Amino acid sequence: MGQKNLAEKQFLSFEDVFADIFNSIVLKQDLIDPKKLRNTKTETQLPDLGDDLHAQLRDVAKIYSDGKVRLALLGIENQTRSDRLMAARIMAYNATAIIDQLKSKDWPQSLYPILTIVFYFGKEKWMDQLDGDYLEKFLEIMTKDNKKAGARWEAT
């Protein structure tokens, strides 16, 4: 892994930078509190179409939590060039995270939303896009769940 990639990962891993990217660029509101972020595993195993497992490495992944309840898994992948397979990679990261949630002994209470974004450091225009309303649905869930969680936390 190049020094530039390591520097980008380190920059993105600071909780205040991570939260600022999500709040200002992605969510367009102050929803993520950097004090409620904690690092989580970035390496997972993904089965191929046969019986073999392959390691997948996220760049930066954090659990957003109130200390008791996991509210979301947030990820940032940094790229310096456009990658037509990026959407598939993100789907694989997110699918593995969902499988981990389903394996939890606390399932179904343990299910929480996952949002992974690409932070692009390249000079050329990013050419590959993923259309959809996933971000709108994520915001709806997070806003609704944060209000419910706030009431639940105040009651305890």
C-alpha atoms as a PDB file:
ATOM      1  CA  MET A   1       0.000   0.000   0.000  1.00  0.00           C
ATOM      2  CA  GLY A   2       1.421   3.392  -1.001  1.00  0.00           C
ATOM      3  CA  GLN A   3       2.309   6.171   1.409  1.00  0.00           C
ATOM      4  CA  LYS A   4      -0.343   8.425  -0.151  1.00  0.00           C
ATOM      5  CA  ASN A   5      -3.056   5.808   0.484  1.00  0.00           C
ATOM      6  CA  LEU A   6      -1.895   5.348   4.092  1.00  0.00           C
ATOM      7  CA  ALA A   7      -1.941   9.109   4.678  1.00  0.00           C
ATOM      8  CA  GLU A   8      -5.467   9.350   3.240  1.00  0.00           C
ATOM      9  CA  LYS A   9      -6.669   6.488   5.470  1.00  0.00           C
ATOM     10  CA  GLN A  10      -5.100   8.068   8.535  1.00  0.00           C
ATOM     11  CA  PHE A  11      -6.687  11.446   7.715  1.00  0.00           C
ATOM     12  CA  LEU A  12     -10.128   9.861   7.239  1.00  0.00           C
ATOM     13  CA  SER A  13      -9.836   7.831  10.449  1.00  0.00           C
ATOM     14  CA  PHE A  14      -9.886  10.865  12.775  1.00  0.00           C
ATOM     15  CA  GLU A  15     -13.367  10.904  14.337  1.00  0.00           C
ATOM     16  CA  ASP A  16     -13.861  14.659  13.835  1.00  0.00           C
ATOM     17  CA  VAL A  17     -12.840  14.482  10.161  1.00  0.00           C
ATOM     18  CA  PHE A  18     -14.942  11.356   9.624  1.00  0.00           C
ATOM     19  CA  ALA A  19     -18.024  12.973  11.212  1.00  0.00           C
ATOM     20  CA  ASP A  20     -17.479  16.253   9.314  1.00  0.00           C
ATOM     21  CA  ILE A  21     -17.372  14.401   5.982  1.00  0.00           C
ATOM     22  CA  PHE A  22     -20.644  12.619   6.690  1.00  0.00           C
ATOM     23  CA  ASN A  23     -22.377  15.637   8.230  1.00  0.00           C
ATOM     24  CA  SER A  24     -21.364  18.345   5.782  1.00  0.00           C
ATOM     25  CA  ILE A  25     -20.928  16.519   2.493  1.00  0.00           C
ATOM     26  CA  VAL A  26     -23.183  13.470   2.683  1.00  0.00           C
ATOM     27  CA  LEU A  27     -25.986  14.045   5.205  1.00  0.00           C
ATOM     28  CA  LYS A  28     -26.114  17.864   4.934  1.00  0.00           C
ATOM     29  CA  GLN A  29     -26.938  18.120   8.643  1.00  0.00           C
ATOM     30  CA  ASP A  30     -25.179  17.603  11.973  1.00  0.00           C
ATOM     31  CA  LEU A  31     -26.372  14.086  12.685  1.00  0.00           C
ATOM     32  CA  ILE A  32     -23.111  12.258  13.472  1.00  0.00           C
ATOM     33  CA  ASP A  33     -21.468  13.146  16.796  1.00  0.00           C
ATOM     34  CA  PRO A  34     -17.725  12.337  16.580  1.00  0.00           C
ATOM     35  CA  LYS A  35     -17.722  11.380  20.276  1.00  0.00           C
ATOM     36  CA  LYS A  36     -20.113   8.516  19.481  1.00  0.00           C
ATOM     37  CA  LEU A  37     -17.854   6.969  16.822  1.00  0.00           C
ATOM     38  CA  ARG A  38     -15.510   4.072  17.466  1.00  0.00           C
ATOM     39  CA  ASN A  39     -13.317   2.035  15.165  1.00  0.00           C
ATOM     40  CA  THR A  40     -14.520  -1.363  14.102  1.00  0.00           C
ATOM     41  CA  LYS A  41     -12.945  -4.178  12.128  1.00  0.00           C
ATOM     42  CA  THR A  42     -11.970  -3.385   8.570  1.00  0.00           C
ATOM     43  CA  GLU A  43     -11.097  -6.919   7.466  1.00  0.00           C
ATOM     44  CA  THR A  44     -13.831  -9.441   6.743  1.00  0.00           C
ATOM     45  CA  GLN A  45     -14.029 -12.765   4.946  1.00  0.00           C
ATOM     46  CA  LEU A  46     -16.211 -13.087   1.879  1.00  0.00           C
ATOM     47  CA  PRO A  47     -17.008 -16.469   0.331  1.00  0.00           C
ATOM     48  CA  ASP A  48     -16.565 -16.779  -3.420  1.00  0.00           C
ATOM     49  CA  LEU A  49     -18.847 -18.826  -5.647  1.00  0.00           C
ATOM     50  CA  GLY A  50     -17.013 -21.958  -4.515  1.00  0.00           C
ATOM     51  CA  ASP A  51     -16.011 -22.815  -0.966  1.00  0.00           C
ATOM     52  CA  ASP A  52     -13.064 -20.439  -0.665  1.00  0.00           C
ATOM     53  CA  LEU A  53     -12.941 -17.363   1.543  1.00  0.00           C
ATOM     54  CA  HIS A  54     -11.296 -14.138   0.468  1.00  0.00           C
ATOM     55  CA  ALA A  55     -10.267 -11.234   2.680  1.00  0.00           C
ATOM     56  CA  GLN A  56     -11.811  -7.867   1.985  1.00  0.00           C
ATOM     57  CA  LEU A  57     -10.274  -4.762   3.499  1.00  0.00           C
ATOM     58  CA  ARG A  58     -12.304  -1.643   4.078  1.00  0.00           C
ATOM     59  CA  ASP A  59     -10.375   1.608   4.338  1.00  0.00           C
ATOM     60  CA  VAL A  60     -12.141   3.100   7.386  1.00  0.00           C
ATOM     61  CA  ALA A  61     -15.137   1.698   9.278  1.00  0.00           C
ATOM     62  CA  LYS A  62     -16.724   3.046  12.439  1.00  0.00           C
ATOM     63  CA  ILE A  63     -19.638   2.081  14.618  1.00  0.00           C
ATOM     64  CA  TYR A  64     -21.892   4.960  15.566  1.00  0.00           C
ATOM     65  CA  SER A  65     -23.207   4.178  19.050  1.00  0.00           C
ATOM     66  CA  ASP A  66     -24.566   5.785  22.188  1.00  0.00           C
ATOM     67  CA  GLY A  67     -22.358   3.413  24.192  1.00  0.00           C
ATOM     68  CA  LYS A  68     -25.147   0.878  24.664  1.00  0.00           C
ATOM     69  CA  VAL A  69     -26.887   0.602  21.309  1.00  0.00           C
ATOM     70  CA  ARG A  70     -25.246   0.436  17.887  1.00  0.00           C
ATOM     71  CA  LEU A  71     -27.025   2.980  15.718  1.00  0.00           C
ATOM     72  CA  ALA A  72     -25.145   2.534  12.423  1.00  0.00           C
ATOM     73  CA  LEU A  73     -22.040   1.241  10.697  1.00  0.00           C
ATOM     74  CA  LEU A  74     -20.376   3.962   8.655  1.00  0.00           C
ATOM     75  CA  GLY A  75     -17.585   3.397   6.181  1.00  0.00           C
ATOM     76  CA  ILE A  76     -15.378   5.521   3.959  1.00  0.00           C
ATOM     77  CA  GLU A  77     -13.440   4.154   1.027  1.00  0.00           C
ATOM     78  CA  ASN A  78     -10.803   6.494  -0.345  1.00  0.00           C
ATOM     79  CA  GLN A  79     -10.007   6.407  -4.049  1.00  0.00           C
ATOM     80  CA  THR A  80      -7.541   8.296  -6.216  1.00  0.00           C
ATOM     81  CA  ARG A  81      -9.004   7.049  -9.515  1.00  0.00           C
ATOM     82  CA  SER A  82     -12.422   6.081 -10.784  1.00  0.00           C
ATOM     83  CA  ASP A  83     -13.250   2.406 -10.302  1.00  0.00           C
ATOM     84  CA  ARG A  84     -16.141   0.885 -12.234  1.00  0.00           C
ATOM     85  CA  LEU A  85     -16.310  -1.971  -9.701  1.00  0.00           C
ATOM     86  CA  MET A  86     -16.508   0.313  -6.655  1.00  0.00           C
ATOM     87  CA  ALA A  87     -20.282  -0.088  -6.261  1.00  0.00           C
ATOM     88  CA  ALA A  88     -19.891  -3.887  -6.253  1.00  0.00           C
ATOM     89  CA  ARG A  89     -17.082  -3.685  -3.675  1.00  0.00           C
ATOM     90  CA  ILE A  90     -19.214  -1.510  -1.409  1.00  0.00           C
ATOM     91  CA  MET A  91     -22.141  -3.903  -1.777  1.00  0.00           C
ATOM     92  CA  ALA A  92     -19.847  -6.774  -0.766  1.00  0.00           C
ATOM     93  CA  TYR A  93     -18.575  -4.841   2.301  1.00  0.00           C
ATOM     94  CA  ASN A  94     -22.121  -3.960   3.333  1.00  0.00           C
ATOM     95  CA  ALA A  95     -23.479  -7.472   2.686  1.00  0.00           C
ATOM     96  CA  THR A  96     -20.758  -8.967   4.884  1.00  0.00           C
ATOM     97  CA  ALA A  97     -21.619  -6.483   7.634  1.00  0.00           C
ATOM     98  CA  ILE A  98     -25.305  -7.426   7.368  1.00  0.00           C
ATOM     99  CA  ILE A  99     -24.416 -11.132   7.612  1.00  0.00           C
ATOM    100  CA  ASP A 100     -22.397 -10.354  10.762  1.00  0.00           C
ATOM    101  CA  GLN A 101     -25.463  -8.621  12.232  1.00  0.00           C
ATOM    102  CA  LEU A 102     -27.701 -11.577  11.363  1.00  0.00           C
ATOM    103  CA  LYS A 103     -25.276 -13.944  13.120  1.00  0.00           C
ATOM    104  CA  SER A 104     -25.449 -11.842  16.293  1.00  0.00           C
ATOM    105  CA  LYS A 105     -27.070 -13.433  19.327  1.00  0.00           C
ATOM    106  CA  ASP A 106     -29.064 -10.192  19.706  1.00  0.00           C
ATOM    107  CA  TRP A 107     -30.669 -10.469  16.274  1.00  0.00           C
ATOM    108  CA  PRO A 108     -33.162  -9.004  15.278  1.00  0.00           C
ATOM    109  CA  GLN A 109     -32.772  -6.229  17.875  1.00  0.00           C
ATOM    110  CA  SER A 110     -29.174  -5.745  16.768  1.00  0.00           C
ATOM    111  CA  LEU A 111     -29.921  -4.701  13.173  1.00  0.00           C
ATOM    112  CA  TYR A 112     -28.737  -1.221  12.284  1.00  0.00           C
ATOM    113  CA  PRO A 113     -28.260   0.652   9.007  1.00  0.00           C
ATOM    114  CA  ILE A 114     -24.995   0.669   7.067  1.00  0.00           C
ATOM    115  CA  LEU A 115     -23.733   3.520   4.926  1.00  0.00           C
ATOM    116  CA  THR A 116     -20.467   3.374   3.016  1.00  0.00           C
ATOM    117  CA  ILE A 117     -19.267   6.264   0.894  1.00  0.00           C
ATOM    118  CA  VAL A 118     -16.361   6.867  -1.454  1.00  0.00           C
ATOM    119  CA  PHE A 119     -14.149   9.870  -0.758  1.00  0.00           C
ATOM    120  CA  TYR A 120     -12.490  10.607  -4.071  1.00  0.00           C
ATOM    121  CA  PHE A 121      -9.067  12.286  -4.097  1.00  0.00           C
ATOM    122  CA  GLY A 122      -8.548  12.004  -7.893  1.00  0.00           C
ATOM    123  CA  LYS A 123      -8.000  14.779 -10.390  1.00  0.00           C
ATOM    124  CA  GLU A 124     -10.232  13.423 -13.169  1.00  0.00           C
ATOM    125  CA  LYS A 125     -14.032  13.447 -12.924  1.00  0.00           C
ATOM    126  CA  TRP A 126     -15.418  10.276 -11.308  1.00  0.00           C
ATOM    127  CA  MET A 127     -17.060   8.405 -14.160  1.00  0.00           C
ATOM    128  CA  ASP A 128     -18.928   5.628 -12.388  1.00  0.00           C
ATOM    129  CA  GLN A 129     -22.139   6.320 -10.518  1.00  0.00           C
ATOM    130  CA  LEU A 130     -24.576   4.377  -8.414  1.00  0.00           C
ATOM    131  CA  ASP A 131     -28.091   5.761  -8.706  1.00  0.00           C
ATOM    132  CA  GLY A 132     -30.765   5.228  -6.109  1.00  0.00           C
ATOM    133  CA  ASP A 133     -32.442   6.673  -3.071  1.00  0.00           C
ATOM    134  CA  TYR A 134     -30.381   4.763  -0.481  1.00  0.00           C
ATOM    135  CA  LEU A 135     -29.150   7.971   1.168  1.00  0.00           C
ATOM    136  CA  GLU A 136     -32.706   9.285   1.606  1.00  0.00           C
ATOM    137  CA  LYS A 137     -33.774   6.026   3.256  1.00  0.00           C
ATOM    138  CA  PHE A 138     -30.661   6.018   5.452  1.00  0.00           C
ATOM    139  CA  LEU A 139     -31.428   9.578   6.641  1.00  0.00           C
ATOM    140  CA  GLU A 140     -35.035   8.653   7.350  1.00  0.00           C
ATOM    141  CA  ILE A 141     -33.990   5.644   9.429  1.00  0.00           C
ATOM    142  CA  MET A 142     -31.241   7.517  11.282  1.00  0.00           C
ATOM    143  CA  THR A 143     -33.413  10.531  12.064  1.00  0.00           C
ATOM    144  CA  LYS A 144     -36.333   8.375  13.218  1.00  0.00           C
ATOM    145  CA  ASP A 145     -34.132   5.971  15.214  1.00  0.00           C
ATOM    146  CA  ASN A 146     -32.141   8.794  16.846  1.00  0.00           C
ATOM    147  CA  LYS A 147     -35.361  10.399  18.075  1.00  0.00           C
ATOM    148  CA  LYS A 148     -36.591   7.050  19.460  1.00  0.00           C
ATOM    149  CA  ALA A 149     -33.179   6.262  20.924  1.00  0.00           C
ATOM    150  CA  GLY A 150     -32.991   9.724  22.524  1.00  0.00           C
ATOM    151  CA  ALA A 151     -36.269   9.122  24.319  1.00  0.00           C
ATOM    152  CA  ARG A 152     -35.145   5.629  25.312  1.00  0.00           C
ATOM    153  CA  TRP A 153     -31.791   6.903  26.644  1.00  0.00           C
ATOM    154  CA  GLU A 154     -33.411   9.700  28.635  1.00  0.00           C
ATOM    155  CA  ALA A 155     -35.754   7.225  30.283  1.00  0.00           C
ATOM    156  CA  THR A 156     -32.905   5.053  31.612  1.00  0.00           C
END
